[in-house]
Amino acid sequence: MTVDKRHEADVQAKRLAEESDRMKSAFIANMSHEIRTPLNAIVGFSTLLAQEKLDDVEKREYVEQVEGNNTYLLSLMENILNIADMDSRVWEMPREEIEVDACCKECIEGFRPELKPGVELEYVPASGIMAFYAARQWLKMVLVSLLDNAVKFTEEGHIRVSCEEDKSRHVLRLSLIHI
């Protein structure tokens, strides 16, 4: 390998590391907000529950708020821990050629029984047959995590899943949109 090619590879690796650091910082900032919201609700409603002047209807309402926010917070923490675990093990995972549409359809079909009445789950396949080389387990964990949140928190409407390949950046872009 020539000095120029080695330098070019080092510059590319540095750029990717810096981009990864920016993405992690943005993720942490977003998660900080996502964690504070249910924690504030839990603390607030727990404080209200400690008051002795509540009737049974108010108590039930506050308990439901605490329970709902507990469930959301636990799910959020599980997702964060899964992502951290995946990030630490990403280089250990075996890579293989993955046919994207088949992988997406497989994950999506598992969520159809969990849809609430009035919610539809739609998959918009990529144009053409798209395959890429990656860790199947990682791709499925990310997609299942996104679908789990979308299905859990969508009360009505459409959840549209699509994917596209950005060849210039060598990335696969998965999109989940609530319509």
Foldseek 3Di string as FASTA:
>chain_A
DDPVVVVVVVVVVVVVVVVVVVVVVVVVVVVVVVLVVLVVLLVVLVVVLPDPPDDPVSNVVSVVSNVVSVVSNVLSVVLVVVVVVCVVCQVVAAKDKDFVVVLLVVLVVVCPVLADPQEEEEEDEEPDTDIDIGRSVVVSSVSNSVVVVCRVPDPHAYWYWYWDADVVVRDIDIDTDGD
